[in-house]
Amino acid sequence: MLIIASSFTMKTENVHEVEADIVDLAVSQDFLSTLVAAVKAGDLVDVLKGDGPFTVFAPTNDAFAKLPAGTVENLLKPENKAQLVAVLTYHVVPGKVMSGDLSNGMKATTVQGSEITVTLKDGKAMINDATVTAADIEADNGVVHVIDTVILPPM
């Protein structure tokens, strides 16, 4: 999955940020197509194309597939938009949080309003029960960290 990082010019000390926002970055990656569909259904495209900065923990298509059968389809129904938005905004933290900023036991308040917890173990970062599989993918309005599980806000 580190292919994502290599398909964009990453920001380093002497390089400018990419010319793609978080949504454009996600759209360009086939394995984030379920997330993109959900963001569109939740009318969050304009928000995530905004100035930010945002930190997005982006679940892969496989992460969505791990949810119980029918969950994604139900969330995408117009009558469940509020629940979909709650799930999606639970994956977004205001500000730009790079992997080097994470510490074990760190908590961060999401756009949804609930906290997520960071665990650092065996050289891997976890956000709640999701493992970060690709980190620090910079966009011009924030950063994306790819995760292998959809994290759900407390209900």
Protein backbone atom coordinates (compact mmCIF):
# COMPACT_ATOMS: atom_id res chain seq x y z
CA MET A 1 0.00 0.00 0.00
CA LEU A 2 2.95 2.33 0.16
CA ILE A 3 2.37 2.77 -3.55
CA ILE A 4 0.09 5.67 -2.60
CA ALA A 5 2.98 7.62 -1.23
CA SER A 6 5.12 7.04 -4.27
CA SER A 7 2.38 8.12 -6.67
CA PHE A 8 2.39 11.66 -5.26
CA THR A 9 5.14 14.14 -4.62
CA MET A 10 5.57 13.96 -0.88
CA LYS A 11 6.37 17.10 1.08
CA THR A 12 9.86 17.13 2.42
CA GLU A 13 11.94 20.00 3.66
CA ASN A 14 12.77 21.18 0.13
CA VAL A 15 9.70 20.06 -1.84
CA HIS A 16 6.31 21.73 -2.11
CA GLU A 17 3.08 20.04 -1.05
CA VAL A 18 1.10 18.05 -3.60
CA GLU A 19 -1.39 19.77 -5.83
CA ALA A 20 -4.24 17.53 -4.70
CA ASP A 21 -6.65 17.88 -1.82
CA ILE A 22 -7.69 14.97 0.39
CA VAL A 23 -10.69 14.09 -1.80
CA ASP A 24 -8.70 14.15 -5.05
CA LEU A 25 -6.02 12.01 -3.44
CA ALA A 26 -8.63 9.44 -2.32
CA VAL A 27 -10.38 9.45 -5.71
CA SER A 28 -7.07 8.60 -7.41
CA GLN A 29 -6.71 5.37 -5.40
CA ASP A 30 -8.96 2.44 -6.42
CA PHE A 31 -8.68 0.80 -2.98
CA LEU A 32 -10.38 3.85 -1.40
CA SER A 33 -13.40 3.82 -3.74
CA THR A 34 -15.85 2.76 -1.01
CA LEU A 35 -14.68 5.65 1.17
CA VAL A 36 -15.08 8.04 -1.76
CA ALA A 37 -18.63 6.77 -2.40
CA ALA A 38 -19.47 7.23 1.28
CA VAL A 39 -18.01 10.76 1.37
CA LYS A 40 -20.14 11.65 -1.67
CA ALA A 41 -23.29 10.10 -0.13
CA GLY A 42 -22.65 12.02 3.08
CA ASP A 43 -22.25 15.32 1.20
CA LEU A 44 -18.79 15.73 2.73
CA VAL A 45 -16.85 16.34 -0.50
CA ASP A 46 -16.87 20.14 -0.16
CA VAL A 47 -15.88 19.91 3.51
CA LEU A 48 -12.88 17.67 2.76
CA LYS A 49 -11.92 19.89 -0.17
CA GLY A 50 -11.91 22.85 2.24
CA ASP A 51 -8.89 24.66 3.61
CA GLY A 52 -8.35 22.32 6.55
CA PRO A 53 -5.92 21.21 7.59
CA PHE A 54 -7.45 17.80 8.25
CA THR A 55 -6.03 14.47 9.30
CA VAL A 56 -8.03 11.64 7.73
CA PHE A 57 -7.78 8.01 8.82
CA ALA A 58 -8.92 6.46 5.53
CA PRO A 59 -10.36 2.93 5.63
CA THR A 60 -9.67 0.80 2.56
CA ASN A 61 -12.32 -1.07 0.57
CA ASP A 62 -11.22 -4.22 2.45
CA ALA A 63 -11.84 -2.40 5.74
CA PHE A 64 -15.41 -1.61 4.70
CA ALA A 65 -15.84 -5.23 3.54
CA LYS A 66 -15.05 -6.42 7.10
CA LEU A 67 -18.22 -4.73 8.39
CA PRO A 68 -21.27 -6.99 8.84
CA ALA A 69 -23.07 -7.80 5.57
CA GLY A 70 -25.34 -4.98 4.43
CA THR A 71 -23.81 -2.33 6.71
CA VAL A 72 -22.27 -0.23 3.95
CA GLU A 73 -25.38 -0.47 1.78
CA ASN A 74 -27.56 0.63 4.72
CA LEU A 75 -25.28 3.53 5.59
CA LEU A 76 -25.39 4.77 1.99
CA LYS A 77 -29.20 5.04 2.02
CA PRO A 78 -30.43 8.66 2.14
CA GLU A 79 -32.45 8.01 5.30
CA ASN A 80 -29.26 6.97 7.13
CA LYS A 81 -27.22 10.01 6.11
CA ALA A 82 -26.81 11.31 9.69
CA GLN A 83 -25.37 7.97 10.82
CA LEU A 84 -23.07 7.84 7.77
CA VAL A 85 -21.81 11.37 8.46
CA ALA A 86 -21.16 10.42 12.11
CA VAL A 87 -19.10 7.39 11.04
CA LEU A 88 -17.14 9.33 8.42
CA THR A 89 -16.42 12.37 10.59
CA TYR A 90 -15.16 10.01 13.31
CA HIS A 91 -12.30 9.28 10.89
CA VAL A 92 -11.29 12.96 10.69
CA VAL A 93 -9.27 14.99 13.19
CA PRO A 94 -8.92 18.76 12.82
CA GLY A 95 -5.35 19.84 12.15
CA LYS A 96 -2.43 18.05 10.57
CA VAL A 97 -1.19 15.12 12.63
CA MET A 98 1.81 13.33 11.19
CA SER A 99 2.86 9.86 12.34
CA GLY A 100 5.82 11.36 14.18
CA ASP A 101 3.36 13.39 16.27
CA LEU A 102 1.65 10.26 17.60
CA SER A 103 2.39 8.94 21.07
CA ASN A 104 1.20 5.82 22.85
CA GLY A 105 -2.07 6.43 24.66
CA MET A 106 -2.62 9.75 22.89
CA LYS A 107 -6.25 10.77 22.48
CA ALA A 108 -7.63 13.07 19.82
CA THR A 109 -11.09 14.55 19.44
CA THR A 110 -12.58 13.86 16.01
CA VAL A 111 -14.77 16.14 13.91
CA GLN A 112 -17.65 13.87 14.98
CA GLY A 113 -16.98 14.90 18.60
CA SER A 114 -15.83 11.63 20.16
CA GLU A 115 -12.23 10.71 20.93
CA ILE A 116 -10.00 8.20 19.22
CA THR A 117 -7.06 6.56 20.97
CA VAL A 118 -3.61 5.96 19.52
CA THR A 119 -1.66 2.84 20.45
CA LEU A 120 1.93 2.33 19.37
CA LYS A 121 2.93 -1.32 19.49
CA ASP A 122 5.55 -3.43 17.72
CA GLY A 123 6.45 -0.56 15.41
CA LYS A 124 2.86 -0.07 14.28
CA ALA A 125 0.38 2.67 15.00
CA MET A 126 -3.19 1.78 15.79
CA ILE A 127 -6.16 4.11 15.86
CA ASN A 128 -8.66 2.41 18.18
CA ASP A 129 -8.76 -1.12 16.67
CA ALA A 130 -7.47 -0.13 13.21
CA THR A 131 -3.86 -0.55 12.12
CA VAL A 132 -2.27 2.24 10.08
CA THR A 133 -1.02 0.55 6.90
CA ALA A 134 0.32 3.68 5.14
CA ALA A 135 1.10 6.94 6.90
CA ASP A 136 1.89 10.57 6.19
CA ILE A 137 0.36 10.85 2.72
CA GLU A 138 0.26 14.59 2.35
CA ALA A 139 -2.35 16.58 0.47
CA ASP A 140 -2.54 20.33 0.10
CA ASN A 141 -5.16 20.55 2.87
CA GLY A 142 -3.93 17.92 5.31
CA VAL A 143 -2.66 14.40 5.64
CA VAL A 144 -4.08 10.91 5.09
CA HIS A 145 -3.22 7.76 7.03
CA VAL A 146 -4.64 4.56 5.51
CA ILE A 147 -6.21 2.14 8.01
CA ASP A 148 -7.31 -1.48 7.71
CA THR A 149 -10.53 -1.28 9.74
CA VAL A 150 -13.50 1.08 9.83
CA ILE A 151 -13.55 2.69 13.27
CA LEU A 152 -16.99 3.31 14.73
CA PRO A 153 -17.90 6.12 17.11
CA PRO A 154 -19.42 5.24 20.46
CA MET A 155 -23.19 5.06 20.12
